[in-house]
Amino acid sequence: MINANFEPLTPLSFLGRNAAAFPDREAVVYGDRRLTYEEFGMAVQQQAKAIQRYIQPGEIVTVVAPNTPEMLFAHFSVPLARGVLNPLNPRLAPQELSYILEHSESQLVMVDAEVSAKLAKVGHELSDPPTVVEISDPIAGVGPSGTSGLMNYEAFLQEGKGTPDLRWTVHDEGMPITLNYTSGTTGAPKGAVYSHRGAYLGALGNLIHNGYSGDSRYLWTLPMFHCNGWCTPWAVTAAGGTHVCLRAVRADDIWDAFTDEGISHLCGAPVVCSTIVDAEQAEPLQTAVRVTTAGAAPPPSTIEKLEALNITPVHVYGLTEVYGPFTICEPQAQWEGRTSRERAQLMARQGVPMVHAGEVKIVDEHMNDLPADGETLGEVVLRGNGVMQEYYKNPEATDEAFRGGWYHTGDLGVMHPDGYIELKDRAKDIIISGGENISSIELEKALYSHPQVQDVAVVGVSHEKWGERPLAYVVRTSDSTVDEEQLRQHCAEHVAKFKVPDRIEFVAELPRTATGKVRKHTLRADQS
């Protein structure tokens, strides 16, 4: 039966609409490579039809790539092929890649040529090796790796040649669209499942709050592999704006894009903000730019510098489990009368729910609402359309996260009398460095695996550039001769290099409670 008053929600419809409505409008820019919306739609169709030859509906397709057009295409092509997109950070260690590919049961992997050799080795060692497609990037000078057993991307695209175009629709908006792995408190990655409906609404929420339009020119400084770029691949496309892809986040490339491409929007961690203001090219922009940032809030001095450059920072808060941003620090008119330092402090709060997201509150351990007095500390819990469906193949973790009918963030905060929340600590001990989550327990397990480590604790410490960086406190065995650099090298064998602690301090013992728990707040205080 055809319903005249119902159509399942899916972000696929955004590209289908604009490829037809604005075929000649510029959609994608990457160096001297430029695609119109019609060409964007055609590229996605071609990729989707090739993907469809290798998967069954509902199977996982992993894409390991930086912010190239092919990663952007995958946000539409994989769900268009009725698959589920699993975007991964190219910097993940082989051990991490192996776990995720095995757990997700990925049947197809598309990987950037710069890391394809690493991926090919991991895939070959799996019990059910996936098909691995290597994507070269001639604009960046990244050619084929020469690794055996990989399918060339151009040859892969030919697999779908002659197949009729796929419809930009789905029959069920509750179907999974993406699978995003996040490090949990146990250190084992958990896969957050997003639905077509949630992605559609998340995209519209971001479109509304960021003011995207057909004139928007969005610079890809936020990794698309992180929470699907906060739903921005779909949001900018919904607005009919232009995606300006950036393979790596470098100050000169960002400022060149400001100058040459007329950038109006970007997103990223506070480190992106500091990269912008500290660049040699930094000067006040003729065209206003809006930068949406999350994680640890930028310091007031950075906010002041951004505003002096005609760049307006907006602070949001979220997690992988909630499609990226869930709350936003909406500026109030009365804040304009404050000093720049006072305004920066207000802007650093995590704010109020975005229009699509749902509800947020601060509760005690019994799920009782706590007073909005700006002082009473409790856990931040969320519910609504902006929350993931579940943890993939992990019902126990799903039940624990959703206890009481709310999603438990594990973050501790307060609610101010005006309804704005402010984070104070993270019960999960997740360290947010450059916008990327680092599990302290994952690092502790890596360090514990060294035979000369007797005890260890990892905490996040403030860092001017990255927001936070991990610091490890290690108790060595009595006969140990291991030094800091040797432990850092050992750690790098088990986790991605960006997770390796910058510093390792050797101590005689760790401060513990009567029940044996490490007093991490004491360790953090020692560094303040």
Protein backbone atom coordinates (compact mmCIF):
# COMPACT_ATOMS: atom_id res chain seq x y z
CA MET A 1 0.00 0.00 0.00
CA ILE A 2 1.27 3.47 -0.92
CA ASN A 3 0.85 6.08 1.80
CA ALA A 4 0.15 9.59 0.56
CA ASN A 5 1.02 11.08 3.93
CA PHE A 6 4.13 9.16 5.03
CA GLU A 7 7.64 8.73 3.68
CA PRO A 8 10.38 7.05 5.75
CA LEU A 9 13.03 9.56 6.74
CA THR A 10 16.52 9.10 5.30
CA PRO A 11 19.38 11.51 4.54
CA LEU A 12 19.66 9.83 1.14
CA SER A 13 16.76 12.01 0.06
CA PHE A 14 18.87 15.15 0.54
CA LEU A 15 21.25 14.22 -2.25
CA GLY A 16 18.51 12.82 -4.47
CA ARG A 17 16.63 16.11 -4.19
CA ASN A 18 19.54 18.47 -4.80
CA ALA A 19 21.13 16.43 -7.60
CA ALA A 20 17.85 16.99 -9.45
CA ALA A 21 17.00 20.50 -8.23
CA PHE A 22 20.48 22.08 -8.46
CA PRO A 23 22.43 19.95 -10.95
CA ASP A 24 24.90 22.71 -11.86
CA ARG A 25 25.58 24.00 -8.34
CA GLU A 26 29.07 23.31 -6.99
CA ALA A 27 28.86 20.48 -4.46
CA VAL A 28 32.36 19.15 -3.78
CA VAL A 29 35.79 20.80 -3.94
CA TYR A 30 39.07 18.96 -3.40
CA GLY A 31 42.12 20.75 -4.74
CA ASP A 32 41.48 21.26 -8.44
CA ARG A 33 38.80 18.55 -8.43
CA ARG A 34 35.32 20.09 -8.53
CA LEU A 35 31.96 18.34 -8.75
CA THR A 36 28.48 19.72 -9.32
CA TYR A 37 25.50 18.29 -7.47
CA GLU A 38 24.61 16.24 -10.54
CA GLU A 39 28.15 14.82 -10.62
CA PHE A 40 28.07 14.25 -6.85
CA GLY A 41 24.89 12.19 -7.26
CA MET A 42 26.37 10.24 -10.17
CA ALA A 43 29.56 9.44 -8.24
CA VAL A 44 27.52 8.16 -5.30
CA GLN A 45 25.34 6.03 -7.56
CA GLN A 46 28.38 4.50 -9.22
CA GLN A 47 30.02 3.69 -5.87
CA ALA A 48 26.75 2.29 -4.49
CA LYS A 49 26.12 0.01 -7.45
CA ALA A 50 29.62 -1.44 -7.11
CA ILE A 51 29.18 -1.93 -3.35
CA GLN A 52 25.89 -3.74 -3.95
CA ARG A 53 27.77 -6.48 -5.82
CA TYR A 54 29.70 -7.39 -2.65
CA ILE A 55 27.20 -7.20 0.21
CA GLN A 56 23.77 -8.35 1.29
CA PRO A 57 21.31 -5.80 2.75
CA GLY A 58 22.26 -4.86 6.29
CA GLU A 59 25.90 -5.96 6.05
CA ILE A 60 28.74 -3.72 7.18
CA VAL A 61 30.99 -1.79 4.80
CA THR A 62 34.10 -0.33 6.42
CA VAL A 63 35.77 2.77 4.99
CA VAL A 64 39.21 3.80 6.29
CA ALA A 65 40.08 7.19 4.85
CA PRO A 66 40.70 10.87 5.60
CA ASN A 67 38.37 13.65 4.43
CA THR A 68 38.52 12.90 0.72
CA PRO A 69 35.56 12.97 -1.70
CA GLU A 70 35.41 9.15 -1.62
CA MET A 71 34.76 9.21 2.14
CA LEU A 72 32.01 11.78 1.55
CA PHE A 73 30.49 9.63 -1.19
CA ALA A 74 30.46 6.63 1.15
CA HIS A 75 28.11 8.41 3.57
CA PHE A 76 25.48 8.16 0.84
CA SER A 77 26.59 5.21 -1.29
CA VAL A 78 26.80 2.57 1.44
CA PRO A 79 23.24 3.15 2.73
CA LEU A 80 22.05 3.58 -0.88
CA ALA A 81 23.40 0.06 -1.49
CA ARG A 82 21.41 -1.05 1.60
CA GLY A 83 24.57 -1.53 3.61
CA VAL A 84 25.70 -0.03 6.93
CA LEU A 85 28.69 2.34 6.87
CA ASN A 86 31.49 1.80 9.38
CA PRO A 87 33.95 4.74 9.02
CA LEU A 88 37.32 4.29 10.73
CA ASN A 89 40.28 6.45 11.64
CA PRO A 90 43.28 5.65 9.38
CA ARG A 91 45.55 6.12 12.40
CA LEU A 92 44.14 3.16 14.33
CA ALA A 93 46.64 0.49 15.29
CA PRO A 94 46.46 -2.93 13.58
CA GLN A 95 45.17 -4.51 16.80
CA GLU A 96 42.29 -2.02 16.93
CA LEU A 97 41.45 -2.47 13.24
CA SER A 98 41.49 -6.24 13.62
CA TYR A 99 39.05 -6.17 16.55
CA ILE A 100 36.59 -3.86 14.79
CA LEU A 101 36.65 -5.70 11.48
CA GLU A 102 36.14 -9.02 13.23
CA HIS A 103 33.38 -7.71 15.50
CA SER A 104 31.53 -5.89 12.72
CA GLU A 105 31.93 -8.82 10.30
CA SER A 106 32.70 -6.36 7.53
CA GLN A 107 32.37 -7.94 4.10
CA LEU A 108 33.88 -5.05 2.19
CA VAL A 109 36.59 -2.54 3.11
CA MET A 110 37.50 0.56 1.13
CA VAL A 111 40.80 2.01 2.29
CA ASP A 112 43.00 4.98 1.42
CA ALA A 113 46.23 3.89 -0.27
CA GLU A 114 48.34 5.55 2.41
CA VAL A 115 47.30 2.90 4.96
CA SER A 116 46.19 0.08 2.66
CA ALA A 117 49.21 -2.13 3.37
CA LYS A 118 48.41 -2.09 7.09
CA LEU A 119 44.76 -2.86 6.42
CA ALA A 120 45.55 -5.63 3.93
CA LYS A 121 47.73 -7.40 6.49
CA VAL A 122 44.99 -7.12 9.14
CA GLY A 123 42.30 -8.35 6.77
CA HIS A 124 44.37 -11.32 5.62
CA GLU A 125 44.71 -12.54 9.21
CA LEU A 126 40.94 -12.54 9.88
CA SER A 127 38.98 -15.79 9.90
CA ASP A 128 36.67 -14.39 7.20
CA PRO A 129 38.79 -11.92 5.18
CA PRO A 130 36.81 -9.09 3.55
CA THR A 131 37.29 -7.78 0.03
CA VAL A 132 39.68 -4.82 0.29
CA VAL A 133 39.52 -1.96 -2.22
CA GLU A 134 42.43 0.49 -2.40
CA ILE A 135 41.62 4.17 -3.10
CA SER A 136 44.46 6.22 -4.55
CA ASP A 137 44.60 9.99 -4.14
CA PRO A 138 46.51 11.56 -7.06
CA ILE A 139 45.74 15.09 -5.83
CA ALA A 140 47.68 14.36 -2.64
CA GLY A 141 50.31 12.35 -4.49
CA VAL A 142 49.21 9.08 -2.88
CA GLY A 143 49.40 6.38 -5.53
CA PRO A 144 48.82 2.62 -5.40
CA SER A 145 50.75 0.93 -2.62
CA GLY A 146 51.69 -2.10 -4.68
CA THR A 147 50.35 -4.39 -1.96
CA SER A 148 49.11 -7.70 -3.34
CA GLY A 149 45.54 -8.85 -2.82
CA LEU A 150 43.96 -5.39 -3.12
CA MET A 151 41.35 -4.38 -5.67
CA ASN A 152 41.93 -1.14 -7.54
CA TYR A 153 39.21 1.42 -6.83
CA GLU A 154 38.62 2.32 -10.48
CA ALA A 155 38.26 -1.37 -11.38
CA PHE A 156 35.91 -1.75 -8.42
CA LEU A 157 33.66 1.04 -9.72
CA GLN A 158 33.31 -0.76 -13.04
CA GLU A 159 31.68 -3.68 -11.20
CA GLY A 160 28.41 -1.75 -11.05
CA LYS A 161 28.47 -0.48 -14.61
CA GLY A 162 25.24 -0.96 -16.53
CA THR A 163 23.15 -1.40 -13.39
CA PRO A 164 20.04 0.81 -13.09
CA ASP A 165 20.27 3.74 -10.69
CA LEU A 166 19.16 3.06 -7.12
CA ARG A 167 16.29 4.95 -5.47
CA TRP A 168 17.11 7.58 -2.86
CA THR A 169 14.66 6.00 -0.41
CA VAL A 170 14.40 3.30 2.24
CA HIS A 171 11.42 1.18 3.28
CA ASP A 172 12.14 1.51 7.01
CA GLU A 173 13.55 4.65 8.64
CA GLY A 174 14.54 2.60 11.68
CA MET A 175 17.09 0.63 9.65
CA PRO A 176 20.75 1.10 10.65
CA ILE A 177 22.61 3.59 8.47
CA THR A 178 26.01 3.69 10.17
CA LEU A 179 28.05 1.91 12.83
CA ASN A 180 30.46 4.10 14.81
CA TYR A 181 32.94 2.52 17.20
CA THR A 182 33.88 4.32 20.37
CA SER A 183 36.27 3.48 23.19
CA GLY A 184 34.33 2.74 26.36
CA THR A 185 35.41 2.63 29.99
CA THR A 186 36.49 -0.99 29.58
CA GLY A 187 38.76 -0.02 26.70
CA ALA A 188 37.02 -2.41 24.31
CA PRO A 189 35.46 -0.54 21.37
CA LYS A 190 31.66 -0.53 21.29
CA GLY A 191 29.71 0.07 18.10
CA ALA A 192 27.02 2.76 18.27
CA VAL A 193 24.26 2.06 15.76
CA TYR A 194 22.66 5.08 14.02
CA SER A 195 19.35 4.84 12.18
CA HIS A 196 18.25 6.56 8.97
CA ARG A 197 15.68 8.49 11.01
CA GLY A 198 18.20 9.64 13.62
CA ALA A 199 20.73 10.67 10.96
CA TYR A 200 18.05 12.61 9.06
CA LEU A 201 16.97 14.51 12.17
CA GLY A 202 20.57 15.04 13.34
CA ALA A 203 21.41 16.56 9.96
CA LEU A 204 18.44 18.92 10.10
CA GLY A 205 19.33 19.93 13.66
CA ASN A 206 22.85 20.82 12.58
CA LEU A 207 21.55 22.62 9.50
CA ILE A 208 19.25 24.79 11.61
CA HIS A 209 21.72 25.64 14.36
CA ASN A 210 24.67 26.27 12.05
CA GLY A 211 22.65 28.19 9.50
CA TYR A 212 23.72 26.16 6.48
CA SER A 213 22.25 27.29 3.15
CA GLY A 214 22.90 26.95 -0.56
CA ASP A 215 25.56 29.66 -0.19
CA SER A 216 27.43 27.83 2.59
CA ARG A 217 30.97 26.65 1.91
CA TYR A 218 31.90 24.10 4.55
CA LEU A 219 35.55 23.25 5.23
CA TRP A 220 36.16 19.63 6.27
CA THR A 221 38.47 19.99 9.28
CA LEU A 222 36.34 17.64 11.41
CA PRO A 223 37.06 13.98 10.55
CA MET A 224 34.19 12.30 8.74
CA PHE A 225 35.15 9.07 10.52
CA HIS A 226 34.25 10.70 13.84
CA CYS A 227 30.49 10.40 14.51
CA ASN A 228 29.96 10.65 10.74
CA GLY A 229 31.39 14.16 10.90
CA TRP A 230 28.59 15.09 13.36
CA CYS A 231 26.04 14.34 10.60
CA THR A 232 27.51 17.22 8.56
CA PRO A 233 27.97 15.21 5.32
CA TRP A 234 24.19 15.00 5.26
CA ALA A 235 23.49 18.46 6.73
CA VAL A 236 25.51 20.47 4.20
CA THR A 237 24.09 18.34 1.39
CA ALA A 238 20.55 18.95 2.66
CA ALA A 239 21.20 22.69 2.44
CA GLY A 240 22.70 22.39 -1.04
CA GLY A 241 25.96 23.87 0.22
CA THR A 242 29.51 23.14 -0.92
CA HIS A 243 31.78 20.58 0.72
CA VAL A 244 35.44 21.70 0.65
CA CYS A 245 37.44 18.56 1.44
CA LEU A 246 40.74 18.73 3.31
CA ARG A 247 42.94 15.67 3.60
CA ALA A 248 44.93 16.95 6.58
CA VAL A 249 44.37 19.77 9.05
CA ARG A 250 47.22 22.22 8.55
CA ALA A 251 47.20 25.93 9.26
CA ASP A 252 48.33 27.01 5.78
CA ASP A 253 45.73 24.81 4.07
CA ILE A 254 42.96 26.17 6.28
CA TRP A 255 43.91 29.78 5.64
CA ASP A 256 44.32 29.12 1.90
CA ALA A 257 40.78 27.76 1.92
CA PHE A 258 39.55 30.85 3.77
CA THR A 259 41.13 33.02 1.10
CA ASP A 260 40.52 30.98 -2.04
CA GLU A 261 37.23 29.23 -1.31
CA GLY A 262 35.33 31.77 0.78
CA ILE A 263 34.73 29.35 3.65
CA SER A 264 31.71 30.18 5.79
CA HIS A 265 31.60 27.21 8.23
CA LEU A 266 33.76 24.55 9.79
CA CYS A 267 33.69 22.24 12.80
CA GLY A 268 36.41 20.75 14.94
CA ALA A 269 38.05 20.27 18.29
CA PRO A 270 39.60 23.18 20.21
CA VAL A 271 42.95 22.25 18.64
CA VAL A 272 41.53 23.37 15.28
CA CYS A 273 40.67 26.73 16.83
CA SER A 274 44.17 27.18 18.20
CA THR A 275 45.65 26.11 14.86
CA ILE A 276 43.65 28.87 13.16
CA VAL A 277 44.50 31.69 15.56
CA ASP A 278 48.19 30.78 15.88
CA ALA A 279 48.82 30.59 12.12
CA GLU A 280 51.25 33.01 10.50
CA GLN A 281 48.59 33.92 7.91
CA ALA A 282 46.02 34.84 10.58
CA GLU A 283 44.33 38.17 9.87
CA PRO A 284 40.76 39.48 10.16
CA LEU A 285 38.53 37.89 7.51
CA GLN A 286 36.28 39.88 5.21
CA THR A 287 33.65 37.11 5.27
CA ALA A 288 32.37 35.96 8.66
CA VAL A 289 33.13 32.34 9.57
CA ARG A 290 31.31 30.18 12.09
CA VAL A 291 33.31 27.43 13.82
CA THR A 292 31.45 24.81 15.85
CA THR A 293 33.67 23.17 18.45
CA ALA A 294 33.25 20.42 21.03
CA GLY A 295 35.24 18.49 23.59
CA ALA A 296 37.03 20.57 26.19
CA ALA A 297 35.99 24.17 25.54
CA PRO A 298 38.56 26.51 23.95
CA PRO A 299 40.27 28.71 26.54
CA PRO A 300 38.90 32.26 26.83
CA SER A 301 42.05 33.65 25.19
CA THR A 302 41.42 31.52 22.07
CA ILE A 303 37.78 32.60 21.92
CA GLU A 304 38.84 36.25 22.08
CA LYS A 305 41.38 35.74 19.27
CA LEU A 306 38.78 33.99 17.08
CA GLU A 307 36.32 36.84 17.47
CA ALA A 308 39.05 39.33 16.55
CA LEU A 309 39.47 37.41 13.26
CA ASN A 310 35.72 37.65 12.47
CA ILE A 311 35.28 33.98 13.43
CA THR A 312 32.37 33.14 15.73
CA PRO A 313 32.93 30.06 17.90
CA VAL A 314 29.94 27.99 19.05
CA HIS A 315 30.36 25.30 21.70
CA VAL A 316 28.43 22.01 21.49
CA TYR A 317 28.41 18.82 23.54
CA GLY A 318 27.74 15.25 22.60
CA LEU A 319 29.13 11.77 22.27
CA THR A 320 29.50 9.10 19.62
CA GLU A 321 26.35 7.52 21.05
CA VAL A 322 24.24 10.60 20.24
CA TYR A 323 25.16 11.32 16.59
CA GLY A 324 27.77 13.85 17.68
CA PRO A 325 26.36 17.12 19.12
CA PHE A 326 23.31 16.89 21.39
CA THR A 327 23.42 20.23 23.22
CA ILE A 328 24.58 23.65 22.08
CA CYS A 329 25.58 26.76 23.97
CA GLU A 330 23.09 29.10 22.30
CA PRO A 331 24.27 32.70 22.86
CA GLN A 332 21.86 34.95 24.70
CA ALA A 333 21.30 38.60 23.82
CA GLN A 334 22.18 39.75 27.35
CA TRP A 335 25.62 38.19 27.04
CA GLU A 336 26.62 40.97 24.65
CA GLY A 337 26.86 43.39 27.57
CA ARG A 338 29.45 41.25 29.35
CA THR A 339 33.21 41.63 29.10
CA SER A 340 34.91 39.45 26.52
CA ARG A 341 36.32 37.23 29.28
CA GLU A 342 32.91 36.82 30.97
CA ARG A 343 31.29 36.08 27.62
CA ALA A 344 33.95 33.48 26.86
CA GLN A 345 33.24 31.73 30.15
CA LEU A 346 29.51 31.60 29.36
CA MET A 347 30.19 30.35 25.85
CA ALA A 348 32.29 27.51 27.26
CA ARG A 349 29.23 25.86 28.80
CA GLN A 350 27.69 22.83 27.11
CA GLY A 351 24.30 24.52 26.84
CA VAL A 352 20.79 23.31 26.04
CA PRO A 353 19.41 20.53 23.79
CA MET A 354 19.47 21.11 20.04
CA VAL A 355 16.07 21.33 18.35
CA HIS A 356 16.09 17.74 17.06
CA ALA A 357 17.78 16.05 19.98
CA GLY A 358 15.44 15.57 22.95
CA GLU A 359 15.95 16.14 26.66
CA VAL A 360 18.88 16.51 29.03
CA LYS A 361 18.96 16.50 32.80
CA ILE A 362 21.32 16.10 35.74
CA VAL A 363 20.50 13.23 38.11
CA ASP A 364 21.85 11.51 41.20
CA GLU A 365 22.63 7.80 41.41
CA HIS A 366 18.94 7.03 42.00
CA MET A 367 17.81 8.94 38.88
CA ASN A 368 16.40 11.80 40.96
CA ASP A 369 16.51 15.22 39.27
CA LEU A 370 19.03 17.55 40.86
CA PRO A 371 18.43 21.29 41.39
CA ALA A 372 19.42 23.73 38.67
CA ASP A 373 21.63 25.75 40.98
CA GLY A 374 24.93 25.61 39.11
CA GLU A 375 26.50 23.75 42.04
CA THR A 376 24.89 20.34 42.62
CA LEU A 377 26.94 17.76 40.76
CA GLY A 378 25.32 14.78 39.04
CA GLU A 379 25.38 12.63 35.94
CA VAL A 380 24.31 14.02 32.57
CA VAL A 381 21.58 11.81 31.06
CA LEU A 382 19.92 12.21 27.66
CA ARG A 383 16.94 10.88 25.76
CA GLY A 384 15.17 11.58 22.49
CA ASN A 385 15.61 11.31 18.74
CA GLY A 386 19.28 12.25 19.05
CA VAL A 387 20.25 9.05 20.86
CA MET A 388 21.66 5.96 19.13
CA GLN A 389 19.62 2.78 18.74
CA GLU A 390 21.96 0.39 20.55
CA TYR A 391 25.46 -0.95 20.92
CA TYR A 392 26.06 -3.41 18.09
CA LYS A 393 25.97 -7.03 19.26
CA ASN A 394 26.25 -5.91 22.88
CA PRO A 395 22.85 -6.11 24.65
CA GLU A 396 24.42 -6.00 28.12
CA ALA A 397 26.17 -2.68 27.44
CA THR A 398 23.01 -1.34 25.78
CA ASP A 399 20.85 -2.20 28.80
CA GLU A 400 23.36 -0.63 31.15
CA ALA A 401 23.60 2.57 29.08
CA PHE A 402 19.81 2.92 28.81
CA ARG A 403 18.85 2.07 32.38
CA GLY A 404 15.87 4.04 33.63
CA GLY A 405 14.84 5.01 30.10
CA TRP A 406 17.67 7.53 29.64
CA TYR A 407 21.09 7.31 28.02
CA HIS A 408 23.74 7.58 30.73
CA THR A 409 26.69 9.61 29.49
CA GLY A 410 28.97 8.92 32.44
CA ASP A 411 29.77 12.64 32.40
CA LEU A 412 29.37 14.68 35.56
CA GLY A 413 28.03 18.21 35.46
CA VAL A 414 25.74 20.85 36.89
CA MET A 415 22.72 22.66 35.54
CA HIS A 416 22.59 26.42 35.91
CA PRO A 417 19.39 28.30 36.79
CA ASP A 418 18.99 29.29 33.11
CA GLY A 419 18.86 25.60 32.12
CA TYR A 420 22.36 25.50 30.61
CA ILE A 421 24.47 22.51 31.60
CA GLU A 422 28.18 22.67 32.36
CA LEU A 423 30.45 19.63 32.55
CA LYS A 424 32.72 19.27 35.55
CA ASP A 425 34.30 15.85 35.13
CA ARG A 426 33.98 12.57 33.22
CA ALA A 427 33.09 9.56 35.25
CA LYS A 428 34.17 7.37 32.35
CA ASP A 429 37.74 8.67 32.53
CA ILE A 430 37.68 9.28 28.82
CA ILE A 431 40.39 11.71 27.76
CA ILE A 432 39.35 14.03 24.91
CA SER A 433 42.46 14.97 22.98
CA GLY A 434 42.10 16.97 19.79
CA GLY A 435 38.45 15.94 19.67
CA GLU A 436 39.32 12.22 19.72
CA ASN A 437 38.35 9.94 22.61
CA ILE A 438 41.16 8.12 24.42
CA SER A 439 40.21 5.51 27.01
CA SER A 440 42.44 5.71 30.08
CA ILE A 441 41.65 2.08 30.89
CA GLU A 442 42.67 1.00 27.38
CA LEU A 443 46.04 2.69 27.91
CA GLU A 444 46.39 1.15 31.36
CA LYS A 445 45.84 -2.31 29.89
CA ALA A 446 48.49 -1.64 27.26
CA LEU A 447 51.02 -0.54 29.89
CA TYR A 448 50.09 -3.39 32.23
CA SER A 449 51.00 -5.85 29.48
CA HIS A 450 54.67 -4.92 29.92
CA PRO A 451 56.28 -7.46 32.28
CA GLN A 452 58.13 -4.77 34.25
CA VAL A 453 55.01 -2.74 35.11
CA GLN A 454 53.50 -3.49 38.50
CA ASP A 455 50.82 -0.81 38.74
CA VAL A 456 49.57 1.97 36.49
CA ALA A 457 47.02 4.77 36.28
CA VAL A 458 46.33 7.11 33.36
CA VAL A 459 44.68 10.50 33.67
CA GLY A 460 43.98 13.38 31.34
CA VAL A 461 45.84 16.61 31.94
CA SER A 462 45.17 20.01 30.45
CA HIS A 463 47.01 20.84 27.23
CA GLU A 464 46.95 24.26 25.57
CA LYS A 465 46.84 22.88 22.02
CA TRP A 466 45.04 19.52 22.26
CA GLY A 467 42.64 20.27 25.13
CA GLU A 468 43.83 17.22 27.04
CA ARG A 469 46.63 14.68 26.79
CA PRO A 470 47.13 11.40 28.65
CA LEU A 471 49.64 11.21 31.49
CA ALA A 472 50.61 7.81 32.89
CA TYR A 473 51.72 7.09 36.44
CA VAL A 474 53.64 3.82 36.59
CA VAL A 475 54.89 1.68 39.46
CA ARG A 476 57.72 -0.51 38.19
CA THR A 477 58.58 -3.99 39.44
CA SER A 478 61.43 -4.13 41.93
CA ASP A 479 63.96 -5.40 39.38
CA SER A 480 62.77 -3.19 36.51
CA THR A 481 65.13 -1.27 34.26
CA VAL A 482 62.49 -0.06 31.80
CA ASP A 483 62.52 3.66 31.04
CA GLU A 484 59.92 6.12 29.79
CA GLU A 485 60.75 5.86 26.10
CA GLN A 486 60.72 2.05 26.16
CA LEU A 487 57.26 2.07 27.74
CA ARG A 488 56.01 4.58 25.19
CA GLN A 489 57.26 2.33 22.38
CA HIS A 490 55.59 -0.67 24.03
CA CYS A 491 52.34 1.26 24.30
CA ALA A 492 52.49 2.21 20.61
CA GLU A 493 52.45 -1.49 19.70
CA HIS A 494 49.00 -1.85 21.24
CA VAL A 495 47.19 1.43 20.56
CA ALA A 496 47.20 4.18 17.95
CA LYS A 497 50.17 6.54 18.24
CA PHE A 498 48.00 9.57 19.04
CA LYS A 499 46.83 7.74 22.19
CA VAL A 500 50.32 7.11 23.55
CA PRO A 501 50.95 9.19 26.72
CA ASP A 502 53.16 12.23 26.22
CA ARG A 503 54.64 11.67 29.67
CA ILE A 504 55.14 8.70 31.96
CA GLU A 505 55.98 9.43 35.57
CA PHE A 506 57.42 6.68 37.74
CA VAL A 507 56.13 6.58 41.32
CA ALA A 508 56.61 4.31 44.33
CA GLU A 509 52.87 3.73 44.72
CA LEU A 510 49.50 5.02 43.54
CA PRO A 511 47.08 6.84 45.88
CA ARG A 512 44.13 4.54 46.58
CA THR A 513 40.89 4.54 48.55
CA ALA A 514 40.11 2.08 51.33
CA THR A 515 38.41 -0.14 48.76
CA GLY A 516 41.47 -0.14 46.51
CA LYS A 517 40.31 2.30 43.83
CA VAL A 518 42.91 4.70 42.46
CA ARG A 519 42.30 8.29 43.52
CA LYS A 520 42.59 9.75 40.03
CA HIS A 521 41.37 13.16 41.19
CA THR A 522 44.47 13.30 43.39
CA LEU A 523 46.70 12.52 40.43
CA ARG A 524 44.98 15.19 38.34
CA ALA A 525 45.31 17.71 41.16
CA ASP A 526 49.07 17.10 41.27
CA GLN A 527 49.25 18.43 37.70
CA SER A 528 46.99 21.47 38.14
